Amino acid sequence: MKAIRFHEYGDPGVLRHEEVERPVPGPGQVLIQVAATSFNGVDGNIRAGFMQGPIPVTLPHTPGIDVSGIVAEIGPDVTGVEVSDQVVGFLPMVADGAAAEFVVAPADILAPAPTSIPLVDAAALPIVGLTAWQALFEHAKLTAGQRVLINGAGGAVGGYAVQLAKNAGAYVLGVAGPHSGEQVKAAGADEVVDFDAVTTPVDVALNLAPVEPARLAALLDLIGDGGVLVNTTVWMPAPGDEKRGVRGIDLFVRSDAAQLAHLVALVDSGQLRVDVAQRFPLAELPTVHTQAAAGALHGKTVITV
């Protein structure tokens, strides 16, 4: 089968489109015929060697943490999944990913794919959707009527966070660049604001964008007593304010099949929109990494297989 792999850490030039052996599912695993994967910022950081501590992959490594596809084979001791099922999943980060024609996945991380969108586009959902869900509801405990500020609302995670927060009955303030303001408004934000223009305290602040430490600390001033700051840029710890009871939480997203199935149900009920900015064939994944490294990749990119 064809796959994209890198045999050493480095710039996007280390990515090779090559023939590799088709994997075989072991106990508790299934083999997925990949429809698509997607590009996430962490893919570039893993390839560059910046994540060797928290995400120690074995070289050569196939990237692609998100997967959508069709179950082609089932290993021993698998229940609840059948051959020909259409599925989505957030794959283990340390294992070979879905930038390949086939990938092995633990059966228990998979959810049925949405039926209301193309299977390839479903690959845009898992990691960013789960990040938004876990930030809002696991860590921030967001409830109806609260005010939430989303810094980075124009990004892939931000788009889901705006929709989910609005669906939960929150008042949503989105901080986004000039090119994505209308998109954030269309996602359901009550206000699209500049970072420095927030005057009324919020209950929850999400930082989904790489910012200077001083900028991250400044978010605390926008949060009311007893509020929460959730930060997804985990290499820069979230500050807190003990005197005012403001908690700072660093989020490292985890795979959760039940949560992913809930997100899929929201998609199929029309309550959650999956936005795909562009699609590239597998052989052009190095181009996607190059564009991302240059800051020229905007919106969610799906890699079709």
C-alpha atoms as a PDB file:
ATOM      1  CA  MET A   1       0.000   0.000   0.000  1.00  0.00           C
ATOM      2  CA  LYS A   2       0.985   3.649  -0.377  1.00  0.00           C
ATOM      3  CA  ALA A   3       1.744   5.793   2.664  1.00  0.00           C
ATOM      4  CA  ILE A   4       3.459   9.019   3.600  1.00  0.00           C
ATOM      5  CA  ARG A   5       6.277   8.491   6.113  1.00  0.00           C
ATOM      6  CA  PHE A   6       9.275  10.295   7.540  1.00  0.00           C
ATOM      7  CA  HIS A   7      12.429   8.390   8.438  1.00  0.00           C
ATOM      8  CA  GLU A   8      14.029  11.282  10.322  1.00  0.00           C
ATOM      9  CA  TYR A   9      12.825  14.456  12.001  1.00  0.00           C
ATOM     10  CA  GLY A  10      13.105  17.665  10.030  1.00  0.00           C
ATOM     11  CA  ASP A  11      11.381  20.088   7.673  1.00  0.00           C
ATOM     12  CA  PRO A  12       8.574  18.958   5.317  1.00  0.00           C
ATOM     13  CA  GLY A  13      11.194  17.629   2.908  1.00  0.00           C
ATOM     14  CA  VAL A  14      11.610  14.534   5.094  1.00  0.00           C
ATOM     15  CA  LEU A  15       8.128  13.297   4.118  1.00  0.00           C
ATOM     16  CA  ARG A  16       8.208  10.472   1.562  1.00  0.00           C
ATOM     17  CA  HIS A  17       5.374   8.963  -0.471  1.00  0.00           C
ATOM     18  CA  GLU A  18       6.347   5.301  -0.589  1.00  0.00           C
ATOM     19  CA  GLU A  19       5.230   1.698  -0.712  1.00  0.00           C
ATOM     20  CA  VAL A  20       4.896   0.041   2.688  1.00  0.00           C
ATOM     21  CA  GLU A  21       3.547  -3.237   3.996  1.00  0.00           C
ATOM     22  CA  ARG A  22      -0.159  -3.322   4.762  1.00  0.00           C
ATOM     23  CA  PRO A  23      -0.674  -3.615   8.543  1.00  0.00           C
ATOM     24  CA  VAL A  24      -2.517  -6.483  10.214  1.00  0.00           C
ATOM     25  CA  PRO A  25      -4.923  -5.832  13.104  1.00  0.00           C
ATOM     26  CA  GLY A  26      -4.078  -7.435  16.429  1.00  0.00           C
ATOM     27  CA  PRO A  27      -6.327  -8.171  19.407  1.00  0.00           C
ATOM     28  CA  GLY A  28      -8.821  -5.375  19.981  1.00  0.00           C
ATOM     29  CA  GLN A  29      -7.886  -3.700  16.694  1.00  0.00           C
ATOM     30  CA  VAL A  30      -9.458  -3.191  13.289  1.00  0.00           C
ATOM     31  CA  LEU A  31      -7.977  -2.436   9.889  1.00  0.00           C
ATOM     32  CA  ILE A  32      -9.473   0.661   8.282  1.00  0.00           C
ATOM     33  CA  GLN A  33      -9.420   1.405   4.570  1.00  0.00           C
ATOM     34  CA  VAL A  34      -8.725   5.115   4.851  1.00  0.00           C
ATOM     35  CA  ALA A  35     -11.029   7.584   3.135  1.00  0.00           C
ATOM     36  CA  ALA A  36      -9.233  10.607   4.554  1.00  0.00           C
ATOM     37  CA  THR A  37      -7.151  12.054   7.319  1.00  0.00           C
ATOM     38  CA  SER A  38      -6.617  15.731   8.113  1.00  0.00           C
ATOM     39  CA  PHE A  39      -3.766  18.069   8.928  1.00  0.00           C
ATOM     40  CA  ASN A  40      -3.379  19.293  12.498  1.00  0.00           C
ATOM     41  CA  GLY A  41      -0.702  21.601  13.833  1.00  0.00           C
ATOM     42  CA  VAL A  42       0.627  18.833  16.070  1.00  0.00           C
ATOM     43  CA  ASP A  43       1.429  16.797  12.929  1.00  0.00           C
ATOM     44  CA  GLY A  44       3.988  19.404  11.918  1.00  0.00           C
ATOM     45  CA  ASN A  45       5.436  19.567  15.425  1.00  0.00           C
ATOM     46  CA  ILE A  46       5.818  15.781  15.585  1.00  0.00           C
ATOM     47  CA  ARG A  47       7.494  15.684  12.152  1.00  0.00           C
ATOM     48  CA  ALA A  48       9.876  18.476  13.131  1.00  0.00           C
ATOM     49  CA  GLY A  49      10.912  16.612  16.294  1.00  0.00           C
ATOM     50  CA  PHE A  50       9.479  19.148  18.730  1.00  0.00           C
ATOM     51  CA  MET A  51       7.249  16.598  20.505  1.00  0.00           C
ATOM     52  CA  GLN A  52       9.657  13.738  21.172  1.00  0.00           C
ATOM     53  CA  GLY A  53       9.089  14.002  24.919  1.00  0.00           C
ATOM     54  CA  PRO A  54       5.272  13.907  25.144  1.00  0.00           C
ATOM     55  CA  ILE A  55       4.719  12.019  21.849  1.00  0.00           C
ATOM     56  CA  PRO A  56       7.610   9.568  21.288  1.00  0.00           C
ATOM     57  CA  VAL A  57       6.954   8.046  17.862  1.00  0.00           C
ATOM     58  CA  THR A  58       9.000   5.247  16.302  1.00  0.00           C
ATOM     59  CA  LEU A  59      10.738   6.067  13.027  1.00  0.00           C
ATOM     60  CA  PRO A  60       9.867   5.650  10.226  1.00  0.00           C
ATOM     61  CA  HIS A  61       6.507   7.162  11.165  1.00  0.00           C
ATOM     62  CA  THR A  62       3.274   7.703   9.256  1.00  0.00           C
ATOM     63  CA  PRO A  63       1.468  10.907  10.323  1.00  0.00           C
ATOM     64  CA  GLY A  64      -2.279  11.538  10.384  1.00  0.00           C
ATOM     65  CA  ILE A  65      -4.057  11.486  13.744  1.00  0.00           C
ATOM     66  CA  ASP A  66      -7.601  11.844  12.407  1.00  0.00           C
ATOM     67  CA  VAL A  67      -9.157   9.092  10.341  1.00  0.00           C
ATOM     68  CA  SER A  68     -12.357   8.458   8.460  1.00  0.00           C
ATOM     69  CA  GLY A  69     -12.853   5.273   6.518  1.00  0.00           C
ATOM     70  CA  ILE A  70     -14.369   1.816   6.170  1.00  0.00           C
ATOM     71  CA  VAL A  71     -13.591  -1.159   8.392  1.00  0.00           C
ATOM     72  CA  ALA A  72     -11.822  -3.693   6.171  1.00  0.00           C
ATOM     73  CA  GLU A  73     -10.773  -6.352   8.678  1.00  0.00           C
ATOM     74  CA  ILE A  74     -11.359  -7.135  12.340  1.00  0.00           C
ATOM     75  CA  GLY A  75      -8.790  -8.525  14.743  1.00  0.00           C
ATOM     76  CA  PRO A  76      -9.429 -10.929  17.629  1.00  0.00           C
ATOM     77  CA  ASP A  77     -11.552  -9.873  20.611  1.00  0.00           C
ATOM     78  CA  VAL A  78     -13.334  -7.017  18.819  1.00  0.00           C
ATOM     79  CA  THR A  79     -17.007  -6.367  19.502  1.00  0.00           C
ATOM     80  CA  GLY A  80     -19.345  -3.620  18.391  1.00  0.00           C
ATOM     81  CA  VAL A  81     -17.633  -3.018  15.038  1.00  0.00           C
ATOM     82  CA  GLU A  82     -18.286  -4.902  11.803  1.00  0.00           C
ATOM     83  CA  VAL A  83     -16.557  -5.135   8.439  1.00  0.00           C
ATOM     84  CA  SER A  84     -17.881  -2.427   6.064  1.00  0.00           C
ATOM     85  CA  ASP A  85     -18.814  -0.051   8.929  1.00  0.00           C
ATOM     86  CA  GLN A  86     -18.015   3.574   8.160  1.00  0.00           C
ATOM     87  CA  VAL A  87     -16.116   5.032  11.105  1.00  0.00           C
ATOM     88  CA  VAL A  88     -14.199   8.045  12.399  1.00  0.00           C
ATOM     89  CA  GLY A  89     -11.562   8.191  15.089  1.00  0.00           C
ATOM     90  CA  PHE A  90      -8.780  10.063  16.858  1.00  0.00           C
ATOM     91  CA  LEU A  91      -5.848   7.660  16.545  1.00  0.00           C
ATOM     92  CA  PRO A  92      -3.174   7.114  19.206  1.00  0.00           C
ATOM     93  CA  MET A  93      -0.568   9.831  18.627  1.00  0.00           C
ATOM     94  CA  VAL A  94       2.414   7.541  19.143  1.00  0.00           C
ATOM     95  CA  ALA A  95       1.231   4.942  16.601  1.00  0.00           C
ATOM     96  CA  ASP A  96       1.344   5.099  12.818  1.00  0.00           C
ATOM     97  CA  GLY A  97      -1.379   7.373  11.499  1.00  0.00           C
ATOM     98  CA  ALA A  98      -3.833   7.528   8.630  1.00  0.00           C
ATOM     99  CA  ALA A  99      -1.741   9.169   5.889  1.00  0.00           C
ATOM    100  CA  ALA A 100      -1.891   5.787   4.183  1.00  0.00           C
ATOM    101  CA  GLU A 101      -4.280   3.572   2.277  1.00  0.00           C
ATOM    102  CA  PHE A 102      -4.871   1.432   5.367  1.00  0.00           C
ATOM    103  CA  VAL A 103      -4.343   1.990   9.093  1.00  0.00           C
ATOM    104  CA  VAL A 104      -4.748  -0.175  12.190  1.00  0.00           C
ATOM    105  CA  ALA A 105      -6.805   1.375  14.995  1.00  0.00           C
ATOM    106  CA  PRO A 106      -8.020   0.271  18.429  1.00  0.00           C
ATOM    107  CA  ALA A 107     -11.685  -0.595  17.984  1.00  0.00           C
ATOM    108  CA  ASP A 108     -12.670   1.185  21.187  1.00  0.00           C
ATOM    109  CA  ILE A 109     -11.606   4.651  19.941  1.00  0.00           C
ATOM    110  CA  LEU A 110     -13.909   4.566  16.913  1.00  0.00           C
ATOM    111  CA  ALA A 111     -17.349   6.085  16.424  1.00  0.00           C
ATOM    112  CA  PRO A 112     -19.801   5.657  13.554  1.00  0.00           C
ATOM    113  CA  ALA A 113     -19.115   8.238  10.855  1.00  0.00           C
ATOM    114  CA  PRO A 114     -21.669  10.984  10.202  1.00  0.00           C
ATOM    115  CA  THR A 115     -24.147  10.061   7.495  1.00  0.00           C
ATOM    116  CA  SER A 116     -25.058  13.636   6.546  1.00  0.00           C
ATOM    117  CA  ILE A 117     -21.662  14.651   5.142  1.00  0.00           C
ATOM    118  CA  PRO A 118     -19.156  12.964   2.793  1.00  0.00           C
ATOM    119  CA  LEU A 119     -16.998  10.343   4.509  1.00  0.00           C
ATOM    120  CA  VAL A 120     -13.809  12.168   3.530  1.00  0.00           C
ATOM    121  CA  ASP A 121     -15.009  15.369   5.216  1.00  0.00           C
ATOM    122  CA  ALA A 122     -15.693  13.464   8.446  1.00  0.00           C
ATOM    123  CA  ALA A 123     -11.911  13.337   8.962  1.00  0.00           C
ATOM    124  CA  ALA A 124     -12.101  17.051   9.818  1.00  0.00           C
ATOM    125  CA  LEU A 125     -14.033  16.310  13.015  1.00  0.00           C
ATOM    126  CA  PRO A 126     -12.244  14.110  15.600  1.00  0.00           C
ATOM    127  CA  ILE A 127      -9.273  15.888  17.193  1.00  0.00           C
ATOM    128  CA  VAL A 128     -10.503  19.472  16.807  1.00  0.00           C
ATOM    129  CA  GLY A 129     -14.082  18.620  17.771  1.00  0.00           C
ATOM    130  CA  LEU A 130     -12.922  16.730  20.846  1.00  0.00           C
ATOM    131  CA  THR A 131     -10.570  19.558  21.813  1.00  0.00           C
ATOM    132  CA  ALA A 132     -13.429  22.053  21.721  1.00  0.00           C
ATOM    133  CA  TRP A 133     -15.791  19.735  23.618  1.00  0.00           C
ATOM    134  CA  GLN A 134     -13.324  18.853  26.361  1.00  0.00           C
ATOM    135  CA  ALA A 135     -12.247  22.488  26.802  1.00  0.00           C
ATOM    136  CA  LEU A 136     -15.803  23.743  27.194  1.00  0.00           C
ATOM    137  CA  PHE A 137     -17.536  20.976  29.091  1.00  0.00           C
ATOM    138  CA  GLU A 138     -14.955  18.755  30.806  1.00  0.00           C
ATOM    139  CA  HIS A 139     -12.658  21.507  32.021  1.00  0.00           C
ATOM    140  CA  ALA A 140     -14.588  24.800  31.968  1.00  0.00           C
ATOM    141  CA  LYS A 141     -17.920  23.175  32.977  1.00  0.00           C
ATOM    142  CA  LEU A 142     -19.720  25.672  30.730  1.00  0.00           C
ATOM    143  CA  THR A 143     -23.446  26.120  31.420  1.00  0.00           C
ATOM    144  CA  ALA A 144     -26.277  28.076  29.844  1.00  0.00           C
ATOM    145  CA  GLY A 145     -26.215  31.803  30.491  1.00  0.00           C
ATOM    146  CA  GLN A 146     -22.477  32.061  31.037  1.00  0.00           C
ATOM    147  CA  ARG A 147     -20.234  34.370  29.023  1.00  0.00           C
ATOM    148  CA  VAL A 148     -17.368  32.695  27.169  1.00  0.00           C
ATOM    149  CA  LEU A 149     -14.475  34.363  25.371  1.00  0.00           C
ATOM    150  CA  ILE A 150     -12.813  32.275  22.653  1.00  0.00           C
ATOM    151  CA  ASN A 151      -9.388  33.510  21.578  1.00  0.00           C
ATOM    152  CA  GLY A 152      -8.621  31.929  18.219  1.00  0.00           C
ATOM    153  CA  ALA A 153     -12.292  31.596  17.283  1.00  0.00           C
ATOM    154  CA  GLY A 154     -11.412  31.697  13.594  1.00  0.00           C
ATOM    155  CA  GLY A 155      -9.358  28.513  13.745  1.00  0.00           C
ATOM    156  CA  ALA A 156     -10.490  24.916  13.295  1.00  0.00           C
ATOM    157  CA  VAL A 157     -10.976  24.260  17.025  1.00  0.00           C
ATOM    158  CA  GLY A 158     -12.475  27.722  17.470  1.00  0.00           C
ATOM    159  CA  GLY A 159     -15.166  27.073  14.888  1.00  0.00           C
ATOM    160  CA  TYR A 160     -16.402  24.059  16.808  1.00  0.00           C
ATOM    161  CA  ALA A 161     -16.029  25.820  20.157  1.00  0.00           C
ATOM    162  CA  VAL A 162     -18.200  28.732  19.006  1.00  0.00           C
ATOM    163  CA  GLN A 163     -20.927  26.386  17.754  1.00  0.00           C
ATOM    164  CA  LEU A 164     -20.879  24.143  20.829  1.00  0.00           C
ATOM    165  CA  ALA A 165     -20.877  27.041  23.278  1.00  0.00           C
ATOM    166  CA  LYS A 166     -23.751  28.729  21.488  1.00  0.00           C
ATOM    167  CA  ASN A 167     -25.711  25.463  21.380  1.00  0.00           C
ATOM    168  CA  ALA A 168     -25.203  25.196  25.155  1.00  0.00           C
ATOM    169  CA  GLY A 169     -26.868  28.567  25.694  1.00  0.00           C
ATOM    170  CA  ALA A 170     -23.745  30.604  26.408  1.00  0.00           C
ATOM    171  CA  TYR A 171     -23.087  34.174  25.302  1.00  0.00           C
ATOM    172  CA  VAL A 172     -20.122  33.836  22.946  1.00  0.00           C
ATOM    173  CA  LEU A 173     -17.435  36.427  22.278  1.00  0.00           C
ATOM    174  CA  GLY A 174     -15.043  35.412  19.521  1.00  0.00           C
ATOM    175  CA  VAL A 175     -11.592  36.911  19.071  1.00  0.00           C
ATOM    176  CA  ALA A 176     -10.434  36.375  15.497  1.00  0.00           C
ATOM    177  CA  GLY A 177      -8.314  37.917  12.769  1.00  0.00           C
ATOM    178  CA  PRO A 178      -9.797  40.270  10.163  1.00  0.00           C
ATOM    179  CA  HIS A 179     -10.085  37.541   7.519  1.00  0.00           C
ATOM    180  CA  SER A 180     -12.226  35.254   9.693  1.00  0.00           C
ATOM    181  CA  GLY A 181     -14.613  37.607  11.482  1.00  0.00           C
ATOM    182  CA  GLU A 182     -17.583  36.836   9.247  1.00  0.00           C
ATOM    183  CA  GLN A 183     -16.920  33.114   9.579  1.00  0.00           C
ATOM    184  CA  VAL A 184     -16.928  33.379  13.373  1.00  0.00           C
ATOM    185  CA  LYS A 185     -20.176  35.337  13.281  1.00  0.00           C
ATOM    186  CA  ALA A 186     -21.709  32.715  10.985  1.00  0.00           C
ATOM    187  CA  ALA A 187     -20.671  29.996  13.455  1.00  0.00           C
ATOM    188  CA  GLY A 188     -22.905  31.659  16.048  1.00  0.00           C
ATOM    189  CA  ALA A 189     -20.753  34.139  17.986  1.00  0.00           C
ATOM    190  CA  ASP A 190     -22.801  36.895  19.619  1.00  0.00           C
ATOM    191  CA  GLU A 191     -19.876  39.292  19.217  1.00  0.00           C
ATOM    192  CA  VAL A 192     -16.636  39.296  17.258  1.00  0.00           C
ATOM    193  CA  VAL A 193     -14.280  41.419  19.324  1.00  0.00           C
ATOM    194  CA  ASP A 194     -10.709  42.616  19.565  1.00  0.00           C
ATOM    195  CA  PHE A 195      -8.794  41.179  22.485  1.00  0.00           C
ATOM    196  CA  ASP A 196      -8.479  44.596  24.111  1.00  0.00           C
ATOM    197  CA  ALA A 197     -12.115  45.620  23.606  1.00  0.00           C
ATOM    198  CA  VAL A 198     -13.682  43.294  26.203  1.00  0.00           C
ATOM    199  CA  THR A 199     -15.002  45.366  29.087  1.00  0.00           C
ATOM    200  CA  THR A 200     -17.530  43.066  30.780  1.00  0.00           C
ATOM    201  CA  PRO A 201     -15.997  40.082  32.617  1.00  0.00           C
ATOM    202  CA  VAL A 202     -16.491  36.587  31.219  1.00  0.00           C
ATOM    203  CA  ASP A 203     -17.021  33.342  33.098  1.00  0.00           C
ATOM    204  CA  VAL A 204     -14.856  31.241  30.794  1.00  0.00           C
ATOM    205  CA  ALA A 205     -11.953  32.077  28.490  1.00  0.00           C
ATOM    206  CA  LEU A 206     -10.503  29.626  25.981  1.00  0.00           C
ATOM    207  CA  ASN A 207      -7.085  30.301  24.522  1.00  0.00           C
ATOM    208  CA  LEU A 208      -6.789  28.307  21.305  1.00  0.00           C
ATOM    209  CA  ALA A 209      -4.050  30.363  19.648  1.00  0.00           C
ATOM    210  CA  PRO A 210      -0.285  30.699  20.138  1.00  0.00           C
ATOM    211  CA  VAL A 211       0.159  33.999  21.967  1.00  0.00           C
ATOM    212  CA  GLU A 212       2.879  35.680  23.965  1.00  0.00           C
ATOM    213  CA  PRO A 213       2.939  34.741  27.675  1.00  0.00           C
ATOM    214  CA  ALA A 214       1.994  38.306  28.602  1.00  0.00           C
ATOM    215  CA  ARG A 215      -1.021  38.081  26.308  1.00  0.00           C
ATOM    216  CA  LEU A 216      -2.092  34.820  27.894  1.00  0.00           C
ATOM    217  CA  ALA A 217      -1.721  36.318  31.369  1.00  0.00           C
ATOM    218  CA  ALA A 218      -3.806  39.301  30.280  1.00  0.00           C
ATOM    219  CA  LEU A 219      -6.752  36.966  29.712  1.00  0.00           C
ATOM    220  CA  LEU A 220      -7.004  36.612  33.484  1.00  0.00           C
ATOM    221  CA  ASP A 221      -8.039  40.254  33.742  1.00  0.00           C
ATOM    222  CA  LEU A 222     -11.046  39.532  31.526  1.00  0.00           C
ATOM    223  CA  ILE A 223     -12.309  36.650  33.680  1.00  0.00           C
ATOM    224  CA  GLY A 224     -14.623  37.272  36.603  1.00  0.00           C
ATOM    225  CA  ASP A 225     -14.088  35.874  40.097  1.00  0.00           C
ATOM    226  CA  GLY A 226     -14.438  32.090  40.177  1.00  0.00           C
ATOM    227  CA  GLY A 227     -13.989  31.778  36.414  1.00  0.00           C
ATOM    228  CA  VAL A 228     -11.840  29.480  34.300  1.00  0.00           C
ATOM    229  CA  LEU A 229      -9.060  29.905  31.736  1.00  0.00           C
ATOM    230  CA  VAL A 230      -8.536  26.848  29.524  1.00  0.00           C
ATOM    231  CA  ASN A 231      -5.391  26.883  27.404  1.00  0.00           C
ATOM    232  CA  THR A 232      -4.636  24.471  24.556  1.00  0.00           C
ATOM    233  CA  THR A 233      -1.089  25.689  23.886  1.00  0.00           C
ATOM    234  CA  VAL A 234       0.257  23.296  26.480  1.00  0.00           C
ATOM    235  CA  TRP A 235       3.914  24.302  26.115  1.00  0.00           C
ATOM    236  CA  MET A 236       2.940  27.589  27.803  1.00  0.00           C
ATOM    237  CA  PRO A 237       1.211  26.889  31.144  1.00  0.00           C
ATOM    238  CA  ALA A 238      -2.092  28.586  31.846  1.00  0.00           C
ATOM    239  CA  PRO A 239      -1.891  31.142  34.655  1.00  0.00           C
ATOM    240  CA  GLY A 240      -4.468  31.344  37.430  1.00  0.00           C
ATOM    241  CA  ASP A 241      -5.454  33.792  40.149  1.00  0.00           C
ATOM    242  CA  GLU A 242      -5.930  32.054  43.484  1.00  0.00           C
ATOM    243  CA  LYS A 243      -7.084  35.207  45.263  1.00  0.00           C
ATOM    244  CA  ARG A 244     -10.046  35.544  42.929  1.00  0.00           C
ATOM    245  CA  GLY A 245     -10.622  31.823  42.511  1.00  0.00           C
ATOM    246  CA  VAL A 246      -9.787  31.857  38.795  1.00  0.00           C
ATOM    247  CA  ARG A 247      -8.470  28.481  37.672  1.00  0.00           C
ATOM    248  CA  GLY A 248      -5.912  28.059  34.905  1.00  0.00           C
ATOM    249  CA  ILE A 249      -6.172  24.709  33.105  1.00  0.00           C
ATOM    250  CA  ASP A 250      -3.917  23.241  30.409  1.00  0.00           C
ATOM    251  CA  LEU A 251      -5.749  20.941  28.014  1.00  0.00           C
ATOM    252  CA  PHE A 252      -4.100  18.053  26.206  1.00  0.00           C
ATOM    253  CA  VAL A 253      -6.867  16.466  24.148  1.00  0.00           C
ATOM    254  CA  ARG A 254      -7.572  12.758  24.555  1.00  0.00           C
ATOM    255  CA  SER A 255      -9.440  10.274  22.411  1.00  0.00           C
ATOM    256  CA  ASP A 256     -12.968   9.515  23.633  1.00  0.00           C
ATOM    257  CA  ALA A 257     -15.290   7.419  21.482  1.00  0.00           C
ATOM    258  CA  ALA A 258     -18.443   8.339  23.428  1.00  0.00           C
ATOM    259  CA  GLN A 259     -17.776  12.059  23.116  1.00  0.00           C
ATOM    260  CA  LEU A 260     -16.949  11.640  19.425  1.00  0.00           C
ATOM    261  CA  ALA A 261     -20.189   9.733  18.863  1.00  0.00           C
ATOM    262  CA  HIS A 262     -22.051  12.614  20.521  1.00  0.00           C
ATOM    263  CA  LEU A 263     -20.367  15.099  18.188  1.00  0.00           C
ATOM    264  CA  VAL A 264     -21.318  12.919  15.220  1.00  0.00           C
ATOM    265  CA  ALA A 265     -24.938  12.938  16.414  1.00  0.00           C
ATOM    266  CA  LEU A 266     -24.826  16.740  16.582  1.00  0.00           C
ATOM    267  CA  VAL A 267     -23.521  16.834  13.009  1.00  0.00           C
ATOM    268  CA  ASP A 268     -26.257  14.524  11.747  1.00  0.00           C
ATOM    269  CA  SER A 269     -28.960  16.500  13.576  1.00  0.00           C
ATOM    270  CA  GLY A 270     -27.783  19.735  11.970  1.00  0.00           C
ATOM    271  CA  GLN A 271     -26.587  21.272  15.243  1.00  0.00           C
ATOM    272  CA  LEU A 272     -22.875  21.154  14.379  1.00  0.00           C
ATOM    273  CA  ARG A 273     -21.351  22.106  11.046  1.00  0.00           C
ATOM    274  CA  VAL A 274     -18.149  20.528   9.743  1.00  0.00           C
ATOM    275  CA  ASP A 275     -16.170  23.091   7.745  1.00  0.00           C
ATOM    276  CA  VAL A 276     -13.494  21.963   5.297  1.00  0.00           C
ATOM    277  CA  ALA A 277     -11.418  24.722   3.715  1.00  0.00           C
ATOM    278  CA  GLN A 278      -9.529  22.535   1.250  1.00  0.00           C
ATOM    279  CA  ARG A 279      -8.794  18.963   0.239  1.00  0.00           C
ATOM    280  CA  PHE A 280      -5.472  17.552  -0.983  1.00  0.00           C
ATOM    281  CA  PRO A 281      -4.664  14.055  -2.265  1.00  0.00           C
ATOM    282  CA  LEU A 282      -2.341  11.927  -0.133  1.00  0.00           C
ATOM    283  CA  ALA A 283       0.678  12.439  -2.384  1.00  0.00           C
ATOM    284  CA  GLU A 284       0.485  16.215  -1.770  1.00  0.00           C
ATOM    285  CA  LEU A 285       0.680  16.003   2.025  1.00  0.00           C
ATOM    286  CA  PRO A 286       4.262  17.393   1.966  1.00  0.00           C
ATOM    287  CA  THR A 287       2.851  20.512   0.271  1.00  0.00           C
ATOM    288  CA  VAL A 288       0.333  20.895   3.097  1.00  0.00           C
ATOM    289  CA  HIS A 289       3.113  20.652   5.694  1.00  0.00           C
ATOM    290  CA  THR A 290       5.133  23.233   3.747  1.00  0.00           C
ATOM    291  CA  GLN A 291       2.214  25.649   3.621  1.00  0.00           C
ATOM    292  CA  ALA A 292       1.539  25.166   7.329  1.00  0.00           C
ATOM    293  CA  ALA A 293       5.186  25.795   8.217  1.00  0.00           C
ATOM    294  CA  ALA A 294       5.024  29.043   6.234  1.00  0.00           C
ATOM    295  CA  GLY A 295       1.818  30.149   7.974  1.00  0.00           C
ATOM    296  CA  ALA A 296      -0.051  29.940   4.680  1.00  0.00           C
ATOM    297  CA  LEU A 297      -2.552  27.227   5.613  1.00  0.00           C
ATOM    298  CA  HIS A 298      -5.923  28.602   6.671  1.00  0.00           C
ATOM    299  CA  GLY A 299      -8.938  26.576   7.752  1.00  0.00           C
ATOM    300  CA  LYS A 300      -9.259  22.820   8.095  1.00  0.00           C
ATOM    301  CA  THR A 301      -7.417  20.774   5.463  1.00  0.00           C
ATOM    302  CA  VAL A 302      -8.482  17.233   4.637  1.00  0.00           C
ATOM    303  CA  ILE A 303      -6.115  14.724   3.021  1.00  0.00           C
ATOM    304  CA  THR A 304      -8.041  12.335   0.767  1.00  0.00           C
ATOM    305  CA  VAL A 305      -6.880   8.764   0.325  1.00  0.00           C
END
